[in-house]
């Protein structure tokens, strides 16, 4: 269930930072995102969008990860960093 005030990660603009509060993805996709560091409480920053808007680069836990919009949509964040 979405946390009040949370938004999907793909809606954040470049330069914005937010805290991961939950995940709507399931199965292997959920496991992979958790393994990449998208765990509740982690701070994620939108680094850059590709020229056509997909994928987007995110900085999290000292790494830069590129995610497609459909994958980032399953990660819920809140901007209270």
PDB file of N, CA and C in Angstrom:
ATOM      1  N   UNK A   1       0.844  -1.188   0.000  1.00  0.00           N
ATOM      2  CA  UNK A   1       0.000   0.000   0.000  1.00  0.00           C
ATOM      3  C   UNK A   1       0.886   1.248   0.000  1.00  0.00           C
ATOM      4  N   UNK A   2       0.573   2.224  -0.867  1.00  0.00           N
ATOM      5  CA  UNK A   2       1.390   3.432  -0.941  1.00  0.00           C
ATOM      6  C   UNK A   2       1.375   4.213   0.372  1.00  0.00           C
ATOM      7  N   UNK A   3       2.513   4.771   0.712  1.00  0.00           N
ATOM      8  CA  UNK A   3       2.650   5.613   1.892  1.00  0.00           C
ATOM      9  C   UNK A   3       2.053   6.982   1.580  1.00  0.00           C
ATOM     10  N   UNK A   4       1.342   7.609   2.539  1.00  0.00           N
ATOM     11  CA  UNK A   4       0.788   8.948   2.283  1.00  0.00           C
ATOM     12  C   UNK A   4       1.899   9.931   1.916  1.00  0.00           C
ATOM     13  N   UNK A   5       1.677  10.703   0.871  1.00  0.00           N
ATOM     14  CA  UNK A   5       2.659  11.684   0.430  1.00  0.00           C
ATOM     15  C   UNK A   5       3.750  11.118  -0.458  1.00  0.00           C
ATOM     16  N   UNK A   6       3.689   9.846  -0.784  1.00  0.00           N
ATOM     17  CA  UNK A   6       4.723   9.249  -1.630  1.00  0.00           C
ATOM     18  C   UNK A   6       4.342   9.368  -3.100  1.00  0.00           C
ATOM     19  N   UNK A   7       5.366   9.375  -3.953  1.00  0.00           N
ATOM     20  CA  UNK A   7       5.165   9.424  -5.400  1.00  0.00           C
ATOM     21  C   UNK A   7       6.089   8.397  -6.045  1.00  0.00           C
ATOM     22  N   UNK A   8       5.748   7.936  -7.246  1.00  0.00           N
ATOM     23  CA  UNK A   8       6.658   7.033  -7.947  1.00  0.00           C
ATOM     24  C   UNK A   8       7.955   7.753  -8.319  1.00  0.00           C
ATOM     25  N   UNK A   9       9.062   7.057  -8.252  1.00  0.00           N
ATOM     26  CA  UNK A   9      10.384   7.629  -8.514  1.00  0.00           C
ATOM     27  C   UNK A   9      10.480   8.288  -9.888  1.00  0.00           C
ATOM     28  N   UNK A  10       9.835   7.726 -10.894  1.00  0.00           N
ATOM     29  CA  UNK A  10       9.979   8.263 -12.251  1.00  0.00           C
ATOM     30  C   UNK A  10       9.397   9.670 -12.412  1.00  0.00           C
ATOM     31  N   UNK A  11       8.623  10.148 -11.439  1.00  0.00           N
ATOM     32  CA  UNK A  11       8.039  11.490 -11.534  1.00  0.00           C
ATOM     33  C   UNK A  11       8.963  12.598 -11.043  1.00  0.00           C
ATOM     34  N   UNK A  12      10.060  12.251 -10.367  1.00  0.00           N
ATOM     35  CA  UNK A  12      10.980  13.274  -9.868  1.00  0.00           C
ATOM     36  C   UNK A  12      11.781  13.892 -11.013  1.00  0.00           C
ATOM     37  N   UNK A  13      12.023  15.200 -10.949  1.00  0.00           N
ATOM     38  CA  UNK A  13      12.822  15.862 -11.990  1.00  0.00           C
ATOM     39  C   UNK A  13      14.318  15.669 -11.726  1.00  0.00           C
ATOM     40  N   UNK A  14      15.152  15.840 -12.747  1.00  0.00           N
ATOM     41  CA  UNK A  14      16.600  15.768 -12.544  1.00  0.00           C
ATOM     42  C   UNK A  14      17.058  16.759 -11.472  1.00  0.00           C
ATOM     43  N   UNK A  15      17.969  16.304 -10.613  1.00  0.00           N
ATOM     44  CA  UNK A  15      18.472  17.119  -9.522  1.00  0.00           C
ATOM     45  C   UNK A  15      17.728  16.929  -8.214  1.00  0.00           C
ATOM     46  N   UNK A  16      16.545  16.324  -8.263  1.00  0.00           N
ATOM     47  CA  UNK A  16      15.753  16.103  -7.051  1.00  0.00           C
ATOM     48  C   UNK A  16      16.282  14.897  -6.283  1.00  0.00           C
ATOM     49  N   UNK A  17      16.128  14.952  -4.971  1.00  0.00           N
ATOM     50  CA  UNK A  17      16.503  13.830  -4.116  1.00  0.00           C
ATOM     51  C   UNK A  17      15.310  13.464  -3.245  1.00  0.00           C
ATOM     52  N   UNK A  18      15.192  12.198  -2.919  1.00  0.00           N
ATOM     53  CA  UNK A  18      14.079  11.718  -2.106  1.00  0.00           C
ATOM     54  C   UNK A  18      14.493  10.452  -1.378  1.00  0.00           C
ATOM     55  N   UNK A  19      13.669  10.059  -0.423  1.00  0.00           N
ATOM     56  CA  UNK A  19      13.919   8.860   0.360  1.00  0.00           C
ATOM     57  C   UNK A  19      12.968   7.760  -0.103  1.00  0.00           C
ATOM     58  N   UNK A  20      13.493   6.560  -0.296  1.00  0.00           N
ATOM     59  CA  UNK A  20      12.664   5.416  -0.681  1.00  0.00           C
ATOM     60  C   UNK A  20      11.780   5.049   0.507  1.00  0.00           C
ATOM     61  N   UNK A  21      10.472   4.931   0.262  1.00  0.00           N
ATOM     62  CA  UNK A  21       9.540   4.579   1.332  1.00  0.00           C
ATOM     63  C   UNK A  21       8.812   3.264   1.082  1.00  0.00           C
ATOM     64  N   UNK A  22       8.894   2.736  -0.128  1.00  0.00           N
ATOM     65  CA  UNK A  22       8.205   1.479  -0.414  1.00  0.00           C
ATOM     66  C   UNK A  22       8.392   1.050  -1.848  1.00  0.00           C
ATOM     67  N   UNK A  23       7.755  -0.070  -2.167  1.00  0.00           N
ATOM     68  CA  UNK A  23       7.897  -0.626  -3.499  1.00  0.00           C
ATOM     69  C   UNK A  23       6.592  -1.299  -3.909  1.00  0.00           C
ATOM     70  N   UNK A  24       6.158  -1.032  -5.136  1.00  0.00           N
ATOM     71  CA  UNK A  24       4.964  -1.673  -5.672  1.00  0.00           C
ATOM     72  C   UNK A  24       5.316  -2.829  -6.593  1.00  0.00           C
ATOM     73  N   UNK A  25       6.581  -2.924  -6.983  1.00  0.00           N
ATOM     74  CA  UNK A  25       7.027  -4.004  -7.861  1.00  0.00           C
ATOM     75  C   UNK A  25       7.004  -5.322  -7.084  1.00  0.00           C
ATOM     76  N   UNK A  26       6.859  -6.398  -7.801  1.00  0.00           N
ATOM     77  CA  UNK A  26       6.848  -7.704  -7.150  1.00  0.00           C
ATOM     78  C   UNK A  26       7.739  -8.693  -7.876  1.00  0.00           C
ATOM     79  N   UNK A  27       7.897  -9.860  -7.285  1.00  0.00           N
ATOM     80  CA  UNK A  27       8.651 -10.945  -7.903  1.00  0.00           C
ATOM     81  C   UNK A  27      10.114 -10.640  -8.109  1.00  0.00           C
ATOM     82  N   UNK A  28      10.673 -11.159  -9.205  1.00  0.00           N
ATOM     83  CA  UNK A  28      12.104 -10.964  -9.482  1.00  0.00           C
ATOM     84  C   UNK A  28      12.490  -9.493  -9.658  1.00  0.00           C
ATOM     85  N   UNK A  29      11.584  -8.690 -10.198  1.00  0.00           N
ATOM     86  CA  UNK A  29      11.879  -7.264 -10.378  1.00  0.00           C
ATOM     87  C   UNK A  29      12.076  -6.607  -9.007  1.00  0.00           C
ATOM     88  N   UNK A  30      11.237  -6.933  -8.045  1.00  0.00           N
ATOM     89  CA  UNK A  30      11.364  -6.392  -6.688  1.00  0.00           C
ATOM     90  C   UNK A  30      12.697  -6.800  -6.074  1.00  0.00           C
ATOM     91  N   UNK A  31      13.043  -8.066  -6.199  1.00  0.00           N
ATOM     92  CA  UNK A  31      14.294  -8.572  -5.627  1.00  0.00           C
ATOM     93  C   UNK A  31      15.494  -7.848  -6.237  1.00  0.00           C
ATOM     94  N   UNK A  32      15.464  -7.645  -7.543  1.00  0.00           N
ATOM     95  CA  UNK A  32      16.570  -6.978  -8.238  1.00  0.00           C
ATOM     96  C   UNK A  32      16.713  -5.528  -7.785  1.00  0.00           C
ATOM     97  N   UNK A  33      15.593  -4.810  -7.663  1.00  0.00           N
ATOM     98  CA  UNK A  33      15.634  -3.423  -7.215  1.00  0.00           C
ATOM     99  C   UNK A  33      16.152  -3.321  -5.780  1.00  0.00           C
ATOM    100  N   UNK A  34      15.742  -4.239  -4.930  1.00  0.00           N
ATOM    101  CA  UNK A  34      16.247  -4.261  -3.557  1.00  0.00           C
ATOM    102  C   UNK A  34      17.749  -4.538  -3.543  1.00  0.00           C
ATOM    103  N   UNK A  35      18.200  -5.472  -4.383  1.00  0.00           N
ATOM    104  CA  UNK A  35      19.625  -5.788  -4.474  1.00  0.00           C
ATOM    105  C   UNK A  35      20.444  -4.588  -4.958  1.00  0.00           C
ATOM    106  N   UNK A  36      19.858  -3.746  -5.792  1.00  0.00           N
ATOM    107  CA  UNK A  36      20.550  -2.560  -6.300  1.00  0.00           C
ATOM    108  C   UNK A  36      20.618  -1.436  -5.264  1.00  0.00           C
ATOM    109  N   UNK A  37      19.907  -1.575  -4.153  1.00  0.00           N
ATOM    110  CA  UNK A  37      19.964  -0.577  -3.091  1.00  0.00           C
ATOM    111  C   UNK A  37      18.701   0.232  -2.883  1.00  0.00           C
ATOM    112  N   UNK A  38      17.657  -0.040  -3.632  1.00  0.00           N
ATOM    113  CA  UNK A  38      16.403   0.698  -3.486  1.00  0.00           C
ATOM    114  C   UNK A  38      15.592   0.115  -2.332  1.00  0.00           C
ATOM    115  N   UNK A  39      16.126   0.276  -1.136  1.00  0.00           N
ATOM    116  CA  UNK A  39      15.499  -0.247   0.080  1.00  0.00           C
ATOM    117  C   UNK A  39      14.888   0.922   0.856  1.00  0.00           C
ATOM    118  N   UNK A  40      13.856   0.680   1.651  1.00  0.00           N
ATOM    119  CA  UNK A  40      13.255   1.761   2.434  1.00  0.00           C
ATOM    120  C   UNK A  40      14.299   2.492   3.278  1.00  0.00           C
ATOM    121  N   UNK A  41      14.254   3.819   3.216  1.00  0.00           N
ATOM    122  CA  UNK A  41      15.186   4.655   3.962  1.00  0.00           C
ATOM    123  C   UNK A  41      16.377   5.135   3.151  1.00  0.00           C
ATOM    124  N   UNK A  42      16.651   4.495   2.010  1.00  0.00           N
ATOM    125  CA  UNK A  42      17.780   4.901   1.172  1.00  0.00           C
ATOM    126  C   UNK A  42      17.453   6.216   0.454  1.00  0.00           C
ATOM    127  N   UNK A  43      18.448   7.085   0.356  1.00  0.00           N
ATOM    128  CA  UNK A  43      18.276   8.358  -0.350  1.00  0.00           C
ATOM    129  C   UNK A  43      18.691   8.161  -1.804  1.00  0.00           C
ATOM    130  N   UNK A  44      17.823   8.584  -2.713  1.00  0.00           N
ATOM    131  CA  UNK A  44      18.084   8.454  -4.144  1.00  0.00           C
ATOM    132  C   UNK A  44      17.992   9.834  -4.786  1.00  0.00           C
ATOM    133  N   UNK A  45      18.906  10.108  -5.713  1.00  0.00           N
ATOM    134  CA  UNK A  45      18.925  11.385  -6.424  1.00  0.00           C
ATOM    135  C   UNK A  45      18.808  11.128  -7.921  1.00  0.00           C
ATOM    136  N   UNK A  46      17.999  11.951  -8.585  1.00  0.00           N
ATOM    137  CA  UNK A  46      17.866  11.850 -10.036  1.00  0.00           C
ATOM    138  C   UNK A  46      19.052  12.581 -10.649  1.00  0.00           C
ATOM    139  N   UNK A  47      19.927  11.839 -11.328  1.00  0.00           N
ATOM    140  CA  UNK A  47      21.148  12.421 -11.886  1.00  0.00           C
ATOM    141  C   UNK A  47      20.898  13.007 -13.268  1.00  0.00           C
ATOM    142  N   UNK A  48      20.290  12.204 -14.144  1.00  0.00           N
ATOM    143  CA  UNK A  48      20.157  12.632 -15.539  1.00  0.00           C
ATOM    144  C   UNK A  48      19.134  11.780 -16.255  1.00  0.00           C
ATOM    145  N   UNK A  49      18.388  12.400 -17.157  1.00  0.00           N
ATOM    146  CA  UNK A  49      17.482  11.653 -18.038  1.00  0.00           C
ATOM    147  C   UNK A  49      18.137  11.573 -19.413  1.00  0.00           C
ATOM    148  N   UNK A  50      17.893  10.483 -20.103  1.00  0.00           N
ATOM    149  CA  UNK A  50      18.412  10.376 -21.464  1.00  0.00           C
ATOM    150  C   UNK A  50      17.663  11.371 -22.349  1.00  0.00           C
ATOM    151  N   UNK A  51      18.189  11.676 -23.526  1.00  0.00           N
ATOM    152  CA  UNK A  51      17.548  12.674 -24.397  1.00  0.00           C
ATOM    153  C   UNK A  51      16.077  12.380 -24.719  1.00  0.00           C
ATOM    154  N   UNK A  52      15.713  11.119 -24.790  1.00  0.00           N
ATOM    155  CA  UNK A  52      14.318  10.773 -25.088  1.00  0.00           C
ATOM    156  C   UNK A  52      13.522  10.474 -23.829  1.00  0.00           C
ATOM    157  N   UNK A  53      14.118  10.684 -22.647  1.00  0.00           N
ATOM    158  CA  UNK A  53      13.403  10.536 -21.389  1.00  0.00           C
ATOM    159  C   UNK A  53      13.447   9.167 -20.749  1.00  0.00           C
ATOM    160  N   UNK A  54      14.021   8.190 -21.424  1.00  0.00           N
ATOM    161  CA  UNK A  54      14.052   6.838 -20.879  1.00  0.00           C
ATOM    162  C   UNK A  54      15.286   6.120 -21.396  1.00  0.00           C
ATOM    163  N   UNK A  55      16.185   5.618 -20.582  1.00  0.00           N
ATOM    164  CA  UNK A  55      16.117   5.491 -19.120  1.00  0.00           C
ATOM    165  C   UNK A  55      16.600   6.758 -18.413  1.00  0.00           C
ATOM    166  N   UNK A  56      16.549   6.707 -17.094  1.00  0.00           N
ATOM    167  CA  UNK A  56      17.014   7.790 -16.230  1.00  0.00           C
ATOM    168  C   UNK A  56      18.091   7.244 -15.305  1.00  0.00           C
ATOM    169  N   UNK A  57      19.105   8.058 -15.034  1.00  0.00           N
ATOM    170  CA  UNK A  57      20.189   7.656 -14.124  1.00  0.00           C
ATOM    171  C   UNK A  57      19.875   8.162 -12.724  1.00  0.00           C
ATOM    172  N   UNK A  58      20.020   7.274 -11.738  1.00  0.00           N
ATOM    173  CA  UNK A  58      19.761   7.587 -10.333  1.00  0.00           C
ATOM    174  C   UNK A  58      21.002   7.276  -9.515  1.00  0.00           C
ATOM    175  N   UNK A  59      21.364   8.180  -8.590  1.00  0.00           N
ATOM    176  CA  UNK A  59      22.474   7.930  -7.666  1.00  0.00           C
ATOM    177  C   UNK A  59      21.886   7.393  -6.372  1.00  0.00           C
ATOM    178  N   UNK A  60      22.393   6.238  -5.939  1.00  0.00           N
ATOM    179  CA  UNK A  60      21.925   5.628  -4.701  1.00  0.00           C
ATOM    180  C   UNK A  60      23.060   4.829  -4.075  1.00  0.00           C
ATOM    181  N   UNK A  61      23.317   5.075  -2.823  1.00  0.00           N
ATOM    182  CA  UNK A  61      24.336   4.348  -2.059  1.00  0.00           C
ATOM    183  C   UNK A  61      25.692   4.299  -2.762  1.00  0.00           C
ATOM    184  N   UNK A  62      26.127   5.424  -3.318  1.00  0.00           N
ATOM    185  CA  UNK A  62      27.439   5.505  -3.937  1.00  0.00           C
ATOM    186  C   UNK A  62      27.537   4.957  -5.345  1.00  0.00           C
ATOM    187  N   UNK A  63      26.424   4.547  -5.923  1.00  0.00           N
ATOM    188  CA  UNK A  63      26.416   4.021  -7.300  1.00  0.00           C
ATOM    189  C   UNK A  63      25.440   4.815  -8.151  1.00  0.00           C
ATOM    190  N   UNK A  64      25.641   4.768  -9.451  1.00  0.00           N
ATOM    191  CA  UNK A  64      24.690   5.360 -10.389  1.00  0.00           C
ATOM    192  C   UNK A  64      24.049   4.215 -11.159  1.00  0.00           C
ATOM    193  N   UNK A  65      22.733   4.158 -11.093  1.00  0.00           N
ATOM    194  CA  UNK A  65      21.960   3.073 -11.697  1.00  0.00           C
ATOM    195  C   UNK A  65      21.015   3.668 -12.728  1.00  0.00           C
ATOM    196  N   UNK A  66      20.965   3.101 -13.919  1.00  0.00           N
ATOM    197  CA  UNK A  66      20.010   3.532 -14.942  1.00  0.00           C
ATOM    198  C   UNK A  66      18.799   2.607 -14.885  1.00  0.00           C
ATOM    199  N   UNK A  67      17.621   3.218 -14.771  1.00  0.00           N
ATOM    200  CA  UNK A  67      16.377   2.448 -14.734  1.00  0.00           C
ATOM    201  C   UNK A  67      15.425   2.932 -15.815  1.00  0.00           C
ATOM    202  N   UNK A  68      14.697   1.990 -16.393  1.00  0.00           N
ATOM    203  CA  UNK A  68      13.629   2.358 -17.316  1.00  0.00           C
ATOM    204  C   UNK A  68      12.473   2.934 -16.518  1.00  0.00           C
ATOM    205  N   UNK A  69      11.668   3.730 -17.175  1.00  0.00           N
ATOM    206  CA  UNK A  69      10.519   4.369 -16.530  1.00  0.00           C
ATOM    207  C   UNK A  69       9.608   3.337 -15.875  1.00  0.00           C
ATOM    208  N   UNK A  70       9.350   2.223 -16.530  1.00  0.00           N
ATOM    209  CA  UNK A  70       8.442   1.211 -15.970  1.00  0.00           C
ATOM    210  C   UNK A  70       8.994   0.597 -14.686  1.00  0.00           C
ATOM    211  N   UNK A  71      10.313   0.495 -14.572  1.00  0.00           N
ATOM    212  CA  UNK A  71      10.913  -0.030 -13.344  1.00  0.00           C
ATOM    213  C   UNK A  71      10.895   1.024 -12.231  1.00  0.00           C
ATOM    214  N   UNK A  72      11.225   2.265 -12.568  1.00  0.00           N
ATOM    215  CA  UNK A  72      11.223   3.344 -11.578  1.00  0.00           C
ATOM    216  C   UNK A  72       9.810   3.638 -11.063  1.00  0.00           C
ATOM    217  N   UNK A  73       8.797   3.348 -11.859  1.00  0.00           N
ATOM    218  CA  UNK A  73       7.424   3.589 -11.440  1.00  0.00           C
ATOM    219  C   UNK A  73       7.017   2.708 -10.265  1.00  0.00           C
ATOM    220  N   UNK A  74       7.700   1.591 -10.074  1.00  0.00           N
ATOM    221  CA  UNK A  74       7.377   0.689  -8.977  1.00  0.00           C
ATOM    222  C   UNK A  74       8.059   1.039  -7.666  1.00  0.00           C
ATOM    223  N   UNK A  75       8.870   2.102  -7.656  1.00  0.00           N
ATOM    224  CA  UNK A  75       9.600   2.521  -6.444  1.00  0.00           C
ATOM    225  C   UNK A  75       8.926   3.788  -5.918  1.00  0.00           C
ATOM    226  N   UNK A  76       8.462   3.735  -4.669  1.00  0.00           N
ATOM    227  CA  UNK A  76       7.795   4.880  -4.070  1.00  0.00           C
ATOM    228  C   UNK A  76       8.759   5.677  -3.216  1.00  0.00           C
ATOM    229  N   UNK A  77       8.755   6.994  -3.396  1.00  0.00           N
ATOM    230  CA  UNK A  77       9.676   7.874  -2.665  1.00  0.00           C
ATOM    231  C   UNK A  77       8.897   9.039  -2.051  1.00  0.00           C
ATOM    232  N   UNK A  78       9.544   9.658  -1.064  1.00  0.00           N
ATOM    233  CA  UNK A  78       9.012  10.871  -0.460  1.00  0.00           C
ATOM    234  C   UNK A  78      10.146  11.867  -0.373  1.00  0.00           C
ATOM    235  N   UNK A  79       9.881  13.133  -0.654  1.00  0.00           N
ATOM    236  CA  UNK A  79      10.914  14.154  -0.748  1.00  0.00           C
ATOM    237  C   UNK A  79      11.454  14.699   0.548  1.00  0.00           C
ATOM    238  N   UNK A  80      11.174  14.091   1.675  1.00  0.00           N
ATOM    239  CA  UNK A  80      11.660  14.616   2.966  1.00  0.00           C
ATOM    240  C   UNK A  80      13.037  14.040   3.307  1.00  0.00           C
ATOM    241  N   UNK A  81      14.032  14.445   2.537  1.00  0.00           N
ATOM    242  CA  UNK A  81      15.397  13.912   2.724  1.00  0.00           C
ATOM    243  C   UNK A  81      16.080  14.636   3.872  1.00  0.00           C
TER     244      UNK A  81
END
